[in-house]
Amino acid sequence: MIGFCQICYVIVKEEANAKKEKYIKKMAEEPSDQYGMLAFDDLSLGKGTESISDNTHRSI
């Protein structure tokens, strides 16, 4: 005989799996450059021309 807790566990697990599958499908449909954020891939700070010991307002 299956207990009430086991039935609840199965139902919750099925709901979680359904939500997971829905999320995976939704993520597959979205573009890889969502919100145009791939533009930030080209930006980098790189090595600066000033050292920390320089006495400028940017190095303080």
N, C-alpha and C. Protein backbone atom coordinates (compact mmCIF):
# COMPACT_ATOMS: atom_id res chain seq x y z
N MET A 1 0.84 -1.19 0.00
CA MET A 1 0.00 0.00 0.00
C MET A 1 0.88 1.25 0.00
N ILE A 2 0.55 2.18 -0.85
CA ILE A 2 1.31 3.42 -0.96
C ILE A 2 0.77 4.40 0.07
N GLY A 3 1.68 5.00 0.82
CA GLY A 3 1.30 5.97 1.84
C GLY A 3 1.02 7.33 1.25
N PHE A 4 0.37 8.16 2.03
CA PHE A 4 0.01 9.52 1.60
C PHE A 4 1.26 10.34 1.28
N CYS A 5 2.29 10.21 2.11
CA CYS A 5 3.53 10.97 1.89
C CYS A 5 4.19 10.56 0.58
N GLN A 6 4.14 9.29 0.25
CA GLN A 6 4.74 8.83 -1.00
C GLN A 6 3.99 9.39 -2.20
N ILE A 7 2.67 9.46 -2.10
CA ILE A 7 1.87 10.02 -3.19
C ILE A 7 2.19 11.50 -3.36
N CYS A 8 2.27 12.23 -2.24
CA CYS A 8 2.59 13.66 -2.30
C CYS A 8 3.97 13.88 -2.91
N TYR A 9 4.92 13.03 -2.53
CA TYR A 9 6.28 13.13 -3.07
C TYR A 9 6.28 12.95 -4.58
N VAL A 10 5.53 11.98 -5.05
CA VAL A 10 5.47 11.71 -6.49
C VAL A 10 4.85 12.90 -7.22
N ILE A 11 3.79 13.45 -6.67
CA ILE A 11 3.11 14.59 -7.31
C ILE A 11 4.04 15.80 -7.36
N VAL A 12 4.70 16.09 -6.25
CA VAL A 12 5.61 17.25 -6.20
C VAL A 12 6.78 17.04 -7.16
N LYS A 13 7.29 15.84 -7.21
CA LYS A 13 8.41 15.54 -8.11
C LYS A 13 8.00 15.71 -9.56
N GLU A 14 6.80 15.26 -9.91
CA GLU A 14 6.30 15.41 -11.28
C GLU A 14 6.12 16.88 -11.64
N GLU A 15 5.60 17.67 -10.70
CA GLU A 15 5.43 19.11 -10.94
C GLU A 15 6.79 19.79 -11.13
N ALA A 16 7.75 19.41 -10.31
CA ALA A 16 9.09 20.00 -10.42
C ALA A 16 9.72 19.64 -11.76
N ASN A 17 9.56 18.41 -12.19
CA ASN A 17 10.12 18.00 -13.48
C ASN A 17 9.45 18.74 -14.63
N ALA A 18 8.13 18.95 -14.52
CA ALA A 18 7.41 19.67 -15.56
C ALA A 18 7.90 21.12 -15.65
N LYS A 19 8.11 21.76 -14.49
CA LYS A 19 8.61 23.14 -14.48
C LYS A 19 10.03 23.20 -15.03
N LYS A 20 10.83 22.20 -14.70
CA LYS A 20 12.20 22.15 -15.19
C LYS A 20 12.23 22.03 -16.71
N GLU A 21 11.40 21.15 -17.25
CA GLU A 21 11.34 20.97 -18.70
C GLU A 21 10.86 22.25 -19.38
N LYS A 22 9.89 22.93 -18.77
CA LYS A 22 9.38 24.18 -19.33
C LYS A 22 10.48 25.25 -19.34
N TYR A 23 11.26 25.30 -18.25
CA TYR A 23 12.35 26.27 -18.15
C TYR A 23 13.43 25.99 -19.20
N ILE A 24 13.78 24.71 -19.35
CA ILE A 24 14.80 24.34 -20.34
C ILE A 24 14.35 24.71 -21.74
N LYS A 25 13.08 24.46 -22.05
CA LYS A 25 12.54 24.80 -23.36
C LYS A 25 12.56 26.31 -23.58
N LYS A 26 12.18 27.06 -22.55
CA LYS A 26 12.16 28.52 -22.64
C LYS A 26 13.57 29.06 -22.87
N MET A 27 14.56 28.51 -22.16
CA MET A 27 15.93 28.98 -22.31
C MET A 27 16.48 28.65 -23.70
N ALA A 28 16.06 27.54 -24.27
CA ALA A 28 16.52 27.17 -25.61
C ALA A 28 15.97 28.12 -26.67
N GLU A 29 14.79 28.69 -26.42
CA GLU A 29 14.16 29.58 -27.39
C GLU A 29 14.71 30.99 -27.34
N GLU A 30 15.32 31.39 -26.21
CA GLU A 30 15.81 32.75 -26.07
C GLU A 30 17.11 32.93 -26.85
N PRO A 31 17.33 34.12 -27.40
CA PRO A 31 18.57 34.36 -28.13
C PRO A 31 19.77 34.37 -27.19
N SER A 32 20.92 34.04 -27.73
CA SER A 32 22.12 33.99 -26.89
C SER A 32 22.59 35.38 -26.47
N ASP A 33 22.22 36.41 -27.24
CA ASP A 33 22.63 37.77 -26.88
C ASP A 33 21.46 38.54 -26.27
N GLN A 34 20.79 37.90 -25.34
CA GLN A 34 19.63 38.51 -24.70
C GLN A 34 20.01 39.87 -24.13
N TYR A 35 19.18 40.84 -24.38
CA TYR A 35 19.35 42.23 -23.94
C TYR A 35 20.58 42.89 -24.56
N GLY A 36 21.15 42.30 -25.59
CA GLY A 36 22.31 42.90 -26.25
C GLY A 36 23.56 42.92 -25.39
N MET A 37 23.68 42.03 -24.46
CA MET A 37 24.81 42.04 -23.53
C MET A 37 26.11 41.54 -24.14
N LEU A 38 26.06 40.96 -25.32
CA LEU A 38 27.29 40.49 -25.94
C LEU A 38 28.21 41.65 -26.31
N ALA A 39 27.67 42.86 -26.34
CA ALA A 39 28.51 44.02 -26.62
C ALA A 39 29.56 44.21 -25.54
N PHE A 40 29.26 43.77 -24.33
CA PHE A 40 30.21 43.92 -23.24
C PHE A 40 31.38 42.94 -23.34
N ASP A 41 31.26 41.92 -24.16
CA ASP A 41 32.36 40.97 -24.33
C ASP A 41 33.58 41.63 -24.96
N ASP A 42 33.35 42.64 -25.78
CA ASP A 42 34.46 43.32 -26.46
C ASP A 42 35.17 44.32 -25.56
N LEU A 43 34.54 44.71 -24.48
CA LEU A 43 35.14 45.68 -23.57
C LEU A 43 36.04 44.98 -22.57
N SER A 44 37.14 45.61 -22.27
CA SER A 44 38.01 45.10 -21.21
C SER A 44 38.76 46.27 -20.60
N LEU A 45 39.09 46.13 -19.35
CA LEU A 45 39.82 47.20 -18.69
C LEU A 45 41.30 47.15 -19.05
N GLY A 46 41.83 45.96 -19.14
CA GLY A 46 43.23 45.82 -19.51
C GLY A 46 44.17 46.44 -18.50
N LYS A 47 45.44 46.45 -18.82
CA LYS A 47 46.44 47.02 -17.94
C LYS A 47 46.46 48.53 -18.14
N GLY A 48 46.37 49.24 -17.06
CA GLY A 48 46.38 50.69 -17.12
C GLY A 48 47.77 51.24 -17.35
N THR A 49 47.83 52.52 -17.67
CA THR A 49 49.13 53.15 -17.90
C THR A 49 49.70 53.74 -16.62
N GLU A 50 48.88 53.83 -15.57
CA GLU A 50 49.34 54.40 -14.31
C GLU A 50 49.55 53.29 -13.28
N SER A 51 50.49 53.52 -12.41
CA SER A 51 50.66 52.58 -11.30
C SER A 51 49.97 53.15 -10.07
N ILE A 52 49.79 52.32 -9.09
CA ILE A 52 49.11 52.77 -7.87
C ILE A 52 49.93 53.84 -7.16
N SER A 53 51.23 53.79 -7.30
CA SER A 53 52.09 54.75 -6.61
C SER A 53 52.10 56.12 -7.28
N ASP A 54 51.54 56.24 -8.48
CA ASP A 54 51.45 57.55 -9.13
C ASP A 54 50.54 58.45 -8.30
N ASN A 55 50.84 59.72 -8.31
CA ASN A 55 50.09 60.67 -7.50
C ASN A 55 49.05 61.37 -8.37
N THR A 56 48.04 60.63 -8.81
CA THR A 56 46.95 61.21 -9.60
C THR A 56 45.64 60.93 -8.89
N HIS A 57 44.60 61.62 -9.30
CA HIS A 57 43.31 61.41 -8.65
C HIS A 57 42.75 60.02 -8.95
N ARG A 58 43.16 59.41 -10.05
CA ARG A 58 42.67 58.07 -10.38
C ARG A 58 43.41 56.98 -9.61
N SER A 59 44.63 57.24 -9.19
CA SER A 59 45.42 56.21 -8.51
C SER A 59 45.26 56.26 -7.00
N ILE A 60 44.59 57.27 -6.50
CA ILE A 60 44.42 57.41 -5.04
C ILE A 60 43.24 56.59 -4.58
